[in-house]
Amino acid sequence: MKLVDQYGNPITSEALDEPQTESRASLLHLQRQIASHPSRGITPARLNEILLAAEQGDLMAQHELFADMEERDSNIFTELSKRKRASIKLDWDIVPPRNATKEEQDLAAWVREVFQDMPDLEDTLFDALDAISHGFSAQELEWELVGGVWTVAKFHHRPQSWFALDQDTRSKLRLRDNTANGQELQPFGWLLHTHKAISGYVSRSGLGRVLVWPYLFKHFSVGDLAEFLDIHGLPIIIGKYPANASADEKSTLFRAVAGIGHNARGIIPTGMEIDLQQAADAKGDPFLNMISWCERSQSKAINGSTLTSEGGSTGLGGGLAEVHNEVRMDIRNSDCKQLAGSITMQVVYPMLAVNKGFRDARRCPRFVLDTSEAEDLKLYAESLPKLVGLGMRIKADWAHEKLRIPIADEKDEVLKSAPAPAAPNPNAPPAPAVPPEKAPGAKAQAKLTAELIATLGALKTGAEGQAGDDEMRGPAPDLSGLRAIDDALAALNAPDLDRQAAGLLDPVVKAIMGADSFEGMQAALDAAIELQDVGTLATALHRVGFAAHWLGAGEQG
């Protein structure tokens, strides 16, 4: 079967043997190219020339300037690094096309295994996202045949200054080989990721063209601030000499004035003076304000806002930073989609074409970065049962996807909820009555009552002994009333009281659980209280009250 690239153009297997820039003599000069660093002494006029040349197809100076900006401006470096790493930290996967056949699913699984064996995949994604600022990023593929399988052994990042645009359309990237149109890129030899920060030609689609003007203004402001500090940040040293001083004496004084600023010591002839004047009371706020404006503009251009990195400086806490961070997530998701498309068409498809004879780019397994965020578990745990209770038909797969919880296989051990307590059976016969002496706590209560009776008897005996002879002692106190109260209290432990308590609480609990608003709960509680049956509890309390009343009447009688 003839080997074709993702655009249907036939290619030969010799294209996999050696990288293009290392196998062709016309391109060897690129390896020895040294950057010219156009940021040195950059002026608005020179910057305009660089940007205009890029629009006409000469990309070299523009992309060398973009590289200098990221290297020399700490704010640009930090913000671009943050944006790149926000994407490469995500989980990736190889997914089959929609309505995939068994063969397509097997192809996706095969590519996934190959990608899992790539040791530098994260570095490859990071280098590809260099296209955010430049508009494109080129990595040359080095193929290797291992065990009968062609795999990409290395991804070599190539500087954007190696490339130029064709003269006809100014939209196709070519390698600079000292010809007018340049040399076409070798099929299956490149991961060429083009990134659209701005719509238009490749030369104008990079974010660097937006960042270059704040960079230039900041560059001038930093230089002005340094000069300001050099002039106004040091005290003024003035030497005074007599009117009749000779030229040699004046030269001596001048050397002393010039050297005292660094040496903090010196000698002068008698009669001369050195006066240190206080530095001018001037401030560099205008320069600092300009620098701050430039950096805020850079941050907004790269990450969508300034609060993604400066949330604390506003004095409003982390809330605003969190809101602006969501804006940055939209940018991150866009970066991931663009990057995934390039990996799919320029790495996944070539692997399948070379090893499996795959030719249908529309049904190619896709490389994806997982940009989904887990939803609030508590919110879904409370809402889903109510929605299901209303009759909504909710797919389990949808809930698993939203909550980022994988679906367990048949062989996996799964979590289970605790068994609910059995509901009481209203038709069940009542439990047999428990004698008072066998009720819960009856033994302890009887012991306490016996101790109380013994104590009262001892107190009575002691009191009568002090009043007269043992023969004159009266009869033992009648404590039958205490025993009556004891029996009444034991009756309170009857099992029907437990059932009565459950009956009192069940309507209240059901009213609270079934309410969907505070007002609804109040109305349900009012109705539940009217349904409560307190007959059994009232009867038991009446018995205790009767016993206490009988005991009191006996004491009075």
Protein backbone atom coordinates (compact mmCIF):
# COMPACT_ATOMS: atom_id res chain seq x y z
CA MET A 1 0.00 0.00 0.00
CA LYS A 2 1.33 3.43 -0.95
CA LEU A 3 2.27 5.67 2.00
CA VAL A 4 0.53 9.08 2.01
CA ASP A 5 0.64 11.97 4.43
CA GLN A 6 -2.34 13.55 6.20
CA TYR A 7 -3.04 15.69 3.14
CA GLY A 8 -3.10 12.73 0.73
CA ASN A 9 0.33 13.40 -0.79
CA PRO A 10 2.47 10.29 -1.46
CA ILE A 11 5.73 9.99 0.49
CA THR A 12 8.56 7.48 0.72
CA SER A 13 9.85 5.65 3.76
CA GLU A 14 13.28 7.25 3.23
CA ALA A 15 11.82 10.41 4.76
CA LEU A 16 11.94 8.67 8.15
CA ASP A 17 15.62 7.78 8.03
CA GLU A 18 17.16 11.11 9.04
CA PRO A 19 15.91 14.57 10.10
CA GLN A 20 15.63 17.05 7.25
CA THR A 21 17.95 19.71 8.69
CA GLU A 22 20.73 17.17 9.24
CA SER A 23 20.55 15.35 5.90
CA ARG A 24 20.54 18.19 3.38
CA ALA A 25 23.60 20.31 2.69
CA SER A 26 21.53 23.37 1.80
CA LEU A 27 20.26 23.57 5.38
CA LEU A 28 23.45 22.91 7.34
CA HIS A 29 24.08 26.65 7.75
CA LEU A 30 21.04 26.83 10.06
CA GLN A 31 22.83 24.77 12.69
CA ARG A 32 25.66 27.35 12.80
CA GLN A 33 23.41 30.39 12.91
CA ILE A 34 24.00 32.78 15.83
CA ALA A 35 21.22 35.08 17.01
CA SER A 36 21.66 38.79 16.30
CA HIS A 37 19.64 39.90 19.38
CA PRO A 38 17.73 42.80 17.80
CA SER A 39 16.50 43.94 21.23
CA ARG A 40 19.85 45.65 21.83
CA GLY A 41 19.33 49.36 21.40
CA ILE A 42 15.85 48.83 20.03
CA THR A 43 13.99 52.00 18.99
CA PRO A 44 10.44 52.56 17.74
CA ALA A 45 11.73 53.07 14.20
CA ARG A 46 13.78 49.86 14.28
CA LEU A 47 10.85 47.93 15.77
CA ASN A 48 8.58 49.10 12.98
CA GLU A 49 11.11 47.87 10.40
CA ILE A 50 11.27 44.42 12.04
CA LEU A 51 7.49 43.99 12.10
CA LEU A 52 7.11 45.16 8.51
CA ALA A 53 9.81 42.74 7.30
CA ALA A 54 7.98 39.86 9.01
CA GLU A 55 4.77 40.70 7.18
CA GLN A 56 6.70 40.49 3.90
CA GLY A 57 7.99 37.00 4.73
CA ASP A 58 11.30 37.64 6.54
CA LEU A 59 10.63 36.21 10.01
CA MET A 60 14.18 36.07 11.35
CA ALA A 61 14.48 39.42 13.18
CA GLN A 62 10.93 39.34 14.54
CA HIS A 63 11.26 35.95 16.20
CA GLU A 64 14.74 36.66 17.52
CA LEU A 65 13.22 39.75 19.14
CA PHE A 66 10.38 37.68 20.63
CA ALA A 67 12.95 35.27 22.10
CA ASP A 68 14.90 38.19 23.59
CA MET A 69 11.74 39.59 25.16
CA GLU A 70 10.96 36.33 26.97
CA GLU A 71 14.58 36.02 28.08
CA ARG A 72 15.08 39.59 29.32
CA ASP A 73 11.67 40.56 30.71
CA SER A 74 10.90 38.65 33.90
CA ASN A 75 7.19 39.51 33.79
CA ILE A 76 6.75 38.18 30.24
CA PHE A 77 8.70 35.04 31.14
CA THR A 78 6.63 34.42 34.27
CA GLU A 79 3.25 34.93 32.63
CA LEU A 80 4.08 32.84 29.54
CA SER A 81 5.51 30.07 31.71
CA LYS A 82 2.37 30.07 33.83
CA ARG A 83 0.16 29.82 30.76
CA LYS A 84 2.16 26.97 29.22
CA ARG A 85 2.34 24.93 32.41
CA ALA A 86 -1.40 25.34 33.02
CA SER A 87 -1.94 23.12 29.95
CA ILE A 88 0.85 20.56 30.17
CA LYS A 89 -0.05 19.55 33.74
CA LEU A 90 -3.42 18.16 32.57
CA ASP A 91 -4.10 14.48 32.02
CA TRP A 92 -4.07 13.35 28.40
CA ASP A 93 -5.67 10.46 26.54
CA ILE A 94 -6.06 8.96 23.07
CA VAL A 95 -9.74 8.59 22.24
CA PRO A 96 -11.30 6.80 19.25
CA PRO A 97 -13.59 8.66 16.84
CA ARG A 98 -17.32 8.94 17.42
CA ASN A 99 -19.23 5.65 16.94
CA ALA A 100 -15.92 3.83 16.70
CA THR A 101 -15.67 0.29 15.39
CA LYS A 102 -13.74 -2.43 17.21
CA GLU A 103 -10.78 -1.85 14.89
CA GLU A 104 -10.75 1.89 15.57
CA GLN A 105 -10.88 1.26 19.31
CA ASP A 106 -7.92 -1.10 19.01
CA LEU A 107 -5.96 1.52 17.04
CA ALA A 108 -6.61 4.10 19.77
CA ALA A 109 -5.43 1.66 22.44
CA TRP A 110 -2.25 0.95 20.44
CA VAL A 111 -1.41 4.66 20.07
CA ARG A 112 -2.08 5.19 23.77
CA GLU A 113 0.50 2.55 24.66
CA VAL A 114 3.06 4.12 22.33
CA PHE A 115 2.52 7.58 23.85
CA GLN A 116 2.82 6.19 27.37
CA ASP A 117 6.32 5.00 26.49
CA MET A 118 7.42 8.48 25.35
CA PRO A 119 9.70 9.77 28.14
CA ASP A 120 9.72 13.43 27.05
CA LEU A 121 6.08 13.97 26.12
CA GLU A 122 5.62 16.78 28.66
CA ASP A 123 8.68 18.61 27.29
CA THR A 124 7.29 18.19 23.78
CA LEU A 125 4.00 19.81 24.79
CA PHE A 126 5.85 22.64 26.52
CA ASP A 127 7.98 23.35 23.44
CA ALA A 128 4.91 23.23 21.21
CA LEU A 129 3.26 25.94 23.31
CA ASP A 130 6.12 28.25 22.40
CA ALA A 131 3.74 29.07 19.55
CA ILE A 132 1.64 31.17 21.95
CA SER A 133 4.06 34.08 21.66
CA HIS A 134 5.61 33.32 18.25
CA GLY A 135 2.52 32.18 16.36
CA PHE A 136 4.09 28.82 15.51
CA SER A 137 6.48 26.30 16.99
CA ALA A 138 8.47 23.71 15.02
CA GLN A 139 9.87 20.44 16.35
CA GLU A 140 11.70 18.07 14.06
CA LEU A 141 10.84 14.39 14.47
CA GLU A 142 13.57 11.80 14.78
CA TRP A 143 12.07 8.42 13.89
CA GLU A 144 13.40 5.13 15.19
CA LEU A 145 12.53 1.53 14.26
CA VAL A 146 12.22 -0.57 17.43
CA GLY A 147 10.87 -4.12 17.35
CA GLY A 148 9.33 -3.60 13.94
CA VAL A 149 7.47 -0.46 15.07
CA TRP A 150 8.30 3.06 13.89
CA THR A 151 8.19 5.48 16.84
CA VAL A 152 9.34 9.05 17.40
CA ALA A 153 12.51 8.75 19.45
CA LYS A 154 13.07 12.50 19.92
CA PHE A 155 11.42 15.83 19.23
CA HIS A 156 14.03 18.49 18.37
CA HIS A 157 12.87 22.06 18.96
CA ARG A 158 13.99 24.35 16.13
CA PRO A 159 14.19 28.17 16.46
CA GLN A 160 11.53 30.14 14.63
CA SER A 161 14.30 32.20 13.01
CA TRP A 162 15.13 29.16 10.82
CA PHE A 163 11.90 29.66 8.90
CA ALA A 164 10.49 32.02 6.29
CA LEU A 165 7.18 32.42 4.46
CA ASP A 166 6.62 31.51 0.84
CA GLN A 167 6.39 34.46 -1.51
CA ASP A 168 3.14 33.40 -3.16
CA THR A 169 0.72 33.07 -0.25
CA ARG A 170 2.80 34.22 2.76
CA SER A 171 1.02 31.51 4.77
CA LYS A 172 3.27 28.46 4.29
CA LEU A 173 6.32 28.03 6.46
CA ARG A 174 9.54 27.02 4.70
CA LEU A 175 13.10 26.41 5.85
CA ARG A 176 15.56 29.15 4.88
CA ASP A 177 17.92 27.65 2.28
CA ASN A 178 19.06 30.90 0.61
CA THR A 179 16.37 30.66 -2.07
CA ALA A 180 13.44 33.01 -2.58
CA ASN A 181 10.73 30.57 -1.51
CA GLY A 182 12.71 28.41 0.89
CA GLN A 183 12.58 24.63 1.21
CA GLU A 184 9.34 22.76 1.88
CA LEU A 185 9.04 20.84 5.12
CA GLN A 186 9.51 17.10 4.85
CA PRO A 187 6.24 15.12 5.32
CA PHE A 188 6.04 13.21 8.60
CA GLY A 189 9.19 15.04 9.68
CA TRP A 190 7.77 17.90 11.72
CA LEU A 191 5.43 18.75 14.55
CA LEU A 192 4.49 22.22 13.36
CA HIS A 193 2.05 23.74 15.82
CA THR A 194 0.44 27.00 14.70
CA HIS A 195 -1.32 28.91 17.45
CA LYS A 196 -3.85 31.65 16.80
CA ALA A 197 -3.73 34.42 19.35
CA ILE A 198 -4.76 36.81 16.57
CA SER A 199 -6.51 36.00 13.31
CA GLY A 200 -4.47 36.59 10.18
CA TYR A 201 -1.24 35.45 8.53
CA VAL A 202 1.21 33.33 10.50
CA SER A 203 3.59 36.27 10.82
CA ARG A 204 0.92 38.28 12.67
CA SER A 205 -0.86 35.56 14.67
CA GLY A 206 1.56 35.42 17.60
CA LEU A 207 1.03 37.16 20.93
CA GLY A 208 4.53 38.62 20.68
CA ARG A 209 3.31 41.37 18.35
CA VAL A 210 0.98 42.55 21.12
CA LEU A 211 3.63 42.32 23.83
CA VAL A 212 6.39 44.07 21.90
CA TRP A 213 5.07 47.61 22.44
CA PRO A 214 4.66 47.39 26.25
CA TYR A 215 8.11 45.76 26.26
CA LEU A 216 9.60 48.73 24.37
CA PHE A 217 7.97 51.33 26.63
CA LYS A 218 9.06 49.44 29.73
CA HIS A 219 12.60 49.19 28.32
CA PHE A 220 12.76 52.99 28.01
CA SER A 221 11.23 53.55 31.45
CA VAL A 222 13.71 51.25 33.16
CA GLY A 223 16.60 53.10 31.48
CA ASP A 224 15.15 56.47 32.49
CA LEU A 225 14.70 55.29 36.08
CA ALA A 226 18.30 54.08 36.24
CA GLU A 227 19.54 57.44 34.94
CA PHE A 228 17.29 59.28 37.39
CA LEU A 229 18.70 57.30 40.31
CA ASP A 230 22.24 57.88 39.06
CA ILE A 231 21.70 61.64 39.09
CA HIS A 232 19.35 62.22 42.02
CA GLY A 233 20.04 59.21 44.17
CA LEU A 234 23.54 60.35 45.27
CA PRO A 235 24.46 63.43 47.33
CA ILE A 236 26.07 66.38 45.53
CA ILE A 237 29.71 66.89 46.58
CA ILE A 238 31.07 70.43 46.20
CA GLY A 239 34.69 71.46 46.77
CA LYS A 240 35.47 75.01 47.88
CA TYR A 241 38.89 76.62 47.35
CA PRO A 242 40.25 80.06 48.21
CA ALA A 243 40.21 82.80 45.59
CA ASN A 244 44.00 82.76 45.36
CA ALA A 245 44.30 78.94 44.92
CA SER A 246 46.72 77.76 42.27
CA ALA A 247 45.88 75.43 39.40
CA ASP A 248 47.63 72.53 41.15
CA GLU A 249 45.58 73.11 44.29
CA LYS A 250 42.37 73.17 42.26
CA SER A 251 43.32 69.89 40.54
CA THR A 252 44.07 68.30 43.91
CA LEU A 253 40.68 69.38 45.24
CA PHE A 254 38.88 68.07 42.16
CA ARG A 255 40.55 64.66 42.45
CA ALA A 256 39.55 64.50 46.10
CA VAL A 257 35.94 65.36 45.29
CA ALA A 258 35.84 62.78 42.48
CA GLY A 259 37.33 60.02 44.62
CA ILE A 260 35.56 60.61 47.90
CA GLY A 261 32.27 59.30 46.54
CA HIS A 262 33.77 55.82 46.13
CA ASN A 263 36.66 55.81 48.59
CA ALA A 264 35.00 57.77 51.40
CA ARG A 265 38.41 59.23 52.24
CA GLY A 266 40.87 61.75 50.77
CA ILE A 267 43.22 64.66 51.52
CA ILE A 268 43.06 68.33 50.51
CA PRO A 269 45.26 71.35 51.25
CA THR A 270 44.55 73.50 54.30
CA GLY A 271 42.05 76.21 53.61
CA MET A 272 39.95 74.17 51.19
CA GLU A 273 36.57 72.56 51.98
CA ILE A 274 34.40 69.70 50.74
CA ASP A 275 30.68 70.14 51.25
CA LEU A 276 28.20 67.20 50.86
CA GLN A 277 24.82 68.56 49.83
CA GLN A 278 21.66 66.55 50.45
CA ALA A 279 20.30 64.77 47.36
CA ALA A 280 17.48 66.51 45.55
CA ASP A 281 14.09 65.61 46.99
CA ALA A 282 12.79 64.07 43.77
CA LYS A 283 10.89 60.81 43.33
CA GLY A 284 10.86 58.19 40.60
CA ASP A 285 7.11 57.53 40.82
CA PRO A 286 6.36 58.51 37.19
CA PHE A 287 8.87 55.94 35.93
CA LEU A 288 7.59 53.25 38.31
CA ASN A 289 4.00 53.96 37.28
CA MET A 290 4.94 53.53 33.63
CA ILE A 291 6.74 50.25 34.37
CA SER A 292 3.72 49.03 36.35
CA TRP A 293 1.34 49.92 33.50
CA CYS A 294 3.50 48.03 31.01
CA GLU A 295 3.59 44.90 33.19
CA ARG A 296 -0.16 44.99 33.80
CA SER A 297 -0.74 45.28 30.07
CA GLN A 298 1.52 42.27 29.46
CA SER A 299 -0.28 40.20 32.10
CA LYS A 300 -3.70 41.02 30.67
CA ALA A 301 -2.57 40.16 27.16
CA ILE A 302 -1.11 36.79 28.20
CA ASN A 303 -3.47 35.50 30.88
CA GLY A 304 -6.56 37.62 30.44
CA SER A 305 -6.18 39.70 33.61
CA THR A 306 -3.69 41.07 36.10
CA LEU A 307 -5.28 39.47 39.18
CA THR A 308 -4.27 35.96 38.11
CA SER A 309 -0.84 36.79 39.53
CA GLU A 310 -1.48 39.90 41.67
CA GLY A 311 -4.67 39.07 43.61
CA GLY A 312 -3.24 40.25 46.94
CA SER A 313 -2.13 43.69 45.73
CA THR A 314 -5.70 45.00 45.41
CA GLY A 315 -6.48 44.60 49.10
CA LEU A 316 -9.67 42.76 48.20
CA GLY A 317 -8.45 39.29 49.09
CA GLY A 318 -8.44 36.17 46.95
CA GLY A 319 -12.03 36.43 45.74
CA LEU A 320 -11.25 38.67 42.79
CA ALA A 321 -8.21 36.59 41.89
CA GLU A 322 -10.41 33.50 41.81
CA VAL A 323 -12.92 35.20 39.50
CA HIS A 324 -10.18 36.29 37.13
CA ASN A 325 -8.63 32.84 37.28
CA GLU A 326 -11.79 31.50 35.61
CA VAL A 327 -11.11 33.81 32.67
CA ARG A 328 -7.65 32.28 32.41
CA MET A 329 -9.25 28.82 32.31
CA ASP A 330 -11.04 29.80 29.10
CA ILE A 331 -7.69 30.71 27.58
CA ARG A 332 -6.16 27.48 28.86
CA ASN A 333 -8.92 25.39 27.31
CA SER A 334 -8.42 27.12 23.97
CA ASP A 335 -4.68 26.42 24.14
CA CYS A 336 -5.36 22.74 24.85
CA LYS A 337 -7.77 22.31 21.93
CA GLN A 338 -5.37 23.90 19.46
CA LEU A 339 -2.43 21.88 20.75
CA ALA A 340 -4.39 18.60 20.72
CA GLY A 341 -5.32 19.10 17.08
CA SER A 342 -1.67 19.52 16.07
CA ILE A 343 -0.57 16.43 18.01
CA THR A 344 -3.36 14.38 16.43
CA MET A 345 -2.63 15.28 12.82
CA GLN A 346 1.17 15.53 12.98
CA VAL A 347 2.14 12.76 15.42
CA VAL A 348 -0.77 10.32 15.89
CA TYR A 349 -1.70 10.11 12.21
CA PRO A 350 1.91 9.59 10.97
CA MET A 351 2.40 6.78 13.50
CA LEU A 352 -0.72 4.99 12.29
CA ALA A 353 0.07 5.61 8.62
CA VAL A 354 3.62 4.27 8.90
CA ASN A 355 2.86 1.28 11.12
CA LYS A 356 -0.76 0.35 10.32
CA GLY A 357 -1.30 1.68 6.80
CA PHE A 358 -3.97 4.06 8.13
CA ARG A 359 -5.24 6.59 5.55
CA ASP A 360 -8.53 8.15 6.73
CA ALA A 361 -7.58 11.33 8.62
CA ARG A 362 -11.23 11.99 9.48
CA ARG A 363 -11.44 8.78 11.55
CA CYS A 364 -8.05 9.16 13.19
CA PRO A 365 -7.89 8.60 16.97
CA ARG A 366 -7.55 11.95 18.72
CA PHE A 367 -5.10 13.20 21.30
CA VAL A 368 -7.04 15.12 23.98
CA LEU A 369 -6.15 17.04 27.13
CA ASP A 370 -8.69 16.72 29.93
CA THR A 371 -9.89 20.26 30.64
CA SER A 372 -13.02 19.24 32.56
CA GLU A 373 -13.37 20.27 36.19
CA ALA A 374 -14.91 18.12 38.91
CA GLU A 375 -18.28 19.43 40.07
CA ASP A 376 -19.29 20.07 43.69
CA LEU A 377 -19.86 16.63 45.21
CA LYS A 378 -22.01 17.94 48.05
CA LEU A 379 -24.27 19.88 45.69
CA TYR A 380 -24.85 16.86 43.45
CA ALA A 381 -25.32 14.50 46.42
CA GLU A 382 -28.14 16.68 47.72
CA SER A 383 -29.73 17.57 44.37
CA LEU A 384 -29.70 14.32 42.40
CA PRO A 385 -31.92 12.27 44.79
CA LYS A 386 -34.52 15.06 44.79
CA LEU A 387 -34.47 15.37 41.00
CA VAL A 388 -34.80 11.61 40.60
CA GLY A 389 -37.68 11.70 43.07
CA LEU A 390 -39.44 14.22 40.84
CA GLY A 391 -39.27 11.75 37.97
CA MET A 392 -36.24 13.00 36.03
CA ARG A 393 -34.39 10.27 34.10
CA ILE A 394 -30.69 10.97 34.70
CA LYS A 395 -28.00 8.85 33.04
CA ALA A 396 -25.46 7.36 35.42
CA ASP A 397 -22.68 7.98 32.87
CA TRP A 398 -23.47 11.69 32.94
CA ALA A 399 -23.19 11.84 36.73
CA HIS A 400 -19.88 9.95 36.66
CA GLU A 401 -18.52 12.33 34.04
CA LYS A 402 -19.58 15.46 35.92
CA LEU A 403 -18.12 14.29 39.21
CA ARG A 404 -14.96 12.85 37.60
CA ILE A 405 -15.62 9.47 39.26
CA PRO A 406 -14.65 6.51 37.04
CA ILE A 407 -17.17 3.75 36.46
CA ALA A 408 -16.10 0.55 38.21
CA ASP A 409 -15.74 -2.71 36.33
CA GLU A 410 -17.49 -5.89 37.38
CA LYS A 411 -14.35 -7.16 39.11
CA ASP A 412 -13.72 -3.95 41.07
CA GLU A 413 -14.69 -3.61 44.71
CA VAL A 414 -17.15 -0.75 45.12
CA LEU A 415 -18.30 1.34 48.06
CA LYS A 416 -21.67 0.52 49.59
CA SER A 417 -24.01 2.54 51.77
CA ALA A 418 -24.80 1.39 55.30
CA PRO A 419 -28.06 -0.64 55.55
CA ALA A 420 -31.01 1.49 56.59
CA PRO A 421 -32.81 0.57 59.85
CA ALA A 422 -35.95 -1.52 59.37
CA ALA A 423 -39.19 0.45 59.47
CA PRO A 424 -41.62 -0.45 62.28
CA ASN A 425 -44.45 -2.79 61.28
CA PRO A 426 -47.80 -1.24 62.29
CA ASN A 427 -49.49 -4.67 62.10
CA ALA A 428 -47.03 -6.37 64.45
CA PRO A 429 -48.50 -7.54 67.81
CA PRO A 430 -47.50 -5.46 70.84
CA ALA A 431 -44.52 -6.66 72.81
CA PRO A 432 -45.33 -8.55 76.01
CA ALA A 433 -45.44 -6.44 79.13
CA VAL A 434 -42.27 -6.54 81.21
CA PRO A 435 -42.72 -6.96 84.98
CA PRO A 436 -41.45 -3.96 86.93
CA GLU A 437 -38.74 -6.03 88.63
CA LYS A 438 -37.32 -6.98 85.18
CA ALA A 439 -37.49 -3.55 83.56
CA PRO A 440 -34.18 -1.89 82.49
CA GLY A 441 -32.49 -0.36 85.54
CA ALA A 442 -34.83 -2.10 87.98
CA LYS A 443 -32.02 -3.75 89.97
CA ALA A 444 -30.09 -0.53 90.40
CA GLN A 445 -33.24 1.32 91.37
CA ALA A 446 -34.22 -1.35 93.93
CA LYS A 447 -30.73 -1.23 95.44
CA LEU A 448 -30.88 2.54 95.73
CA THR A 449 -34.31 2.36 97.39
CA ALA A 450 -33.12 -0.27 99.91
CA GLU A 451 -30.12 1.88 100.82
CA LEU A 452 -32.41 4.89 101.28
CA ILE A 453 -34.74 2.89 103.58
CA ALA A 454 -31.82 1.62 105.64
CA THR A 455 -30.39 5.11 105.99
CA LEU A 456 -33.70 6.57 107.08
CA GLY A 457 -34.13 3.72 109.61
CA ALA A 458 -30.71 4.33 111.09
CA LEU A 459 -31.37 8.03 111.40
CA LYS A 460 -34.70 7.29 113.16
CA THR A 461 -33.07 4.83 115.57
CA GLY A 462 -30.31 7.29 116.48
CA ALA A 463 -32.74 10.08 117.15
CA GLU A 464 -34.90 7.95 119.54
CA GLY A 465 -31.82 6.66 121.42
CA GLN A 466 -30.92 10.19 122.39
CA ALA A 467 -34.48 10.84 123.65
CA GLY A 468 -34.78 7.90 126.07
CA ASP A 469 -34.30 4.24 126.86
CA ASP A 470 -34.31 1.51 124.16
CA GLU A 471 -37.53 0.17 125.59
CA MET A 472 -39.20 3.51 124.97
CA ARG A 473 -38.39 3.45 121.25
CA GLY A 474 -41.35 3.81 118.94
CA PRO A 475 -42.17 1.53 115.98
CA ALA A 476 -40.01 1.58 112.80
CA PRO A 477 -41.02 4.23 110.25
CA ASP A 478 -43.54 3.26 107.63
CA LEU A 479 -41.67 3.51 104.29
CA SER A 480 -44.29 1.84 102.13
CA GLY A 481 -44.81 5.17 100.38
CA LEU A 482 -41.23 5.09 99.08
CA ARG A 483 -41.83 1.60 97.71
CA ALA A 484 -45.00 2.84 95.97
CA ILE A 485 -43.04 5.62 94.29
CA ASP A 486 -40.39 3.05 93.35
CA ASP A 487 -43.03 0.87 91.70
CA ALA A 488 -44.47 3.84 89.84
CA LEU A 489 -41.03 4.85 88.53
CA ALA A 490 -40.42 1.27 87.41
CA ALA A 491 -43.62 1.46 85.40
CA LEU A 492 -42.14 4.37 83.46
CA ASN A 493 -39.57 1.96 81.97
CA ALA A 494 -42.22 -0.06 80.19
CA PRO A 495 -41.41 -0.72 76.48
CA ASP A 496 -44.57 1.06 75.35
CA LEU A 497 -42.95 4.33 76.47
CA ASP A 498 -40.15 3.78 73.92
CA ARG A 499 -42.73 3.26 71.22
CA GLN A 500 -44.62 6.32 72.41
CA ALA A 501 -41.43 8.44 72.18
CA ALA A 502 -40.85 7.18 68.63
CA GLY A 503 -44.44 8.04 67.81
CA LEU A 504 -43.95 11.55 69.13
CA LEU A 505 -40.74 12.14 67.15
CA ASP A 506 -41.54 10.42 63.84
CA PRO A 507 -44.09 13.02 62.61
CA VAL A 508 -41.66 15.82 63.48
CA VAL A 509 -38.73 14.20 61.68
CA LYS A 510 -40.83 13.47 58.60
CA ALA A 511 -42.05 17.08 58.53
CA ILE A 512 -38.49 18.43 58.61
CA MET A 513 -37.09 16.03 56.01
CA GLY A 514 -39.97 16.55 53.58
CA ALA A 515 -39.93 20.36 53.65
CA ASP A 516 -38.37 22.27 50.74
CA SER A 517 -38.43 25.70 52.42
CA PHE A 518 -38.41 27.23 55.89
CA GLU A 519 -42.04 28.33 55.66
CA GLY A 520 -43.08 24.87 54.48
CA MET A 521 -41.27 23.28 57.42
CA GLN A 522 -43.11 25.52 59.91
CA ALA A 523 -46.49 24.57 58.47
CA ALA A 524 -45.58 20.85 58.45
CA LEU A 525 -44.48 21.01 62.10
CA ASP A 526 -47.75 22.59 63.15
CA ALA A 527 -49.66 19.77 61.46
CA ALA A 528 -47.39 17.09 62.93
CA ILE A 529 -47.86 18.32 66.50
CA GLU A 530 -51.63 18.05 66.18
CA LEU A 531 -51.29 14.38 65.15
CA GLN A 532 -49.19 13.35 68.15
CA ASP A 533 -50.74 10.85 70.63
CA VAL A 534 -49.63 11.44 74.23
CA GLY A 535 -52.12 9.10 75.89
CA THR A 536 -49.68 6.43 77.08
CA LEU A 537 -47.20 8.99 78.41
CA ALA A 538 -49.97 10.91 80.21
CA THR A 539 -51.24 7.70 81.90
CA ALA A 540 -47.76 6.82 83.19
CA LEU A 541 -47.15 10.32 84.51
CA HIS A 542 -50.57 10.24 86.19
CA ARG A 543 -49.59 7.08 88.07
CA VAL A 544 -46.43 8.70 89.38
CA GLY A 545 -48.31 11.82 90.40
CA PHE A 546 -50.95 9.73 92.16
CA ALA A 547 -48.32 7.82 94.13
CA ALA A 548 -46.58 11.03 95.19
CA HIS A 549 -49.90 12.55 96.20
CA TRP A 550 -50.83 9.43 98.21
CA LEU A 551 -47.50 9.50 100.03
CA GLY A 552 -47.88 13.16 100.89
CA ALA A 553 -51.42 12.62 102.17
CA GLY A 554 -50.22 9.73 104.34
CA GLU A 555 -47.48 11.84 105.93
CA GLN A 556 -49.97 14.61 106.72
CA GLY A 557 -52.47 12.13 108.18
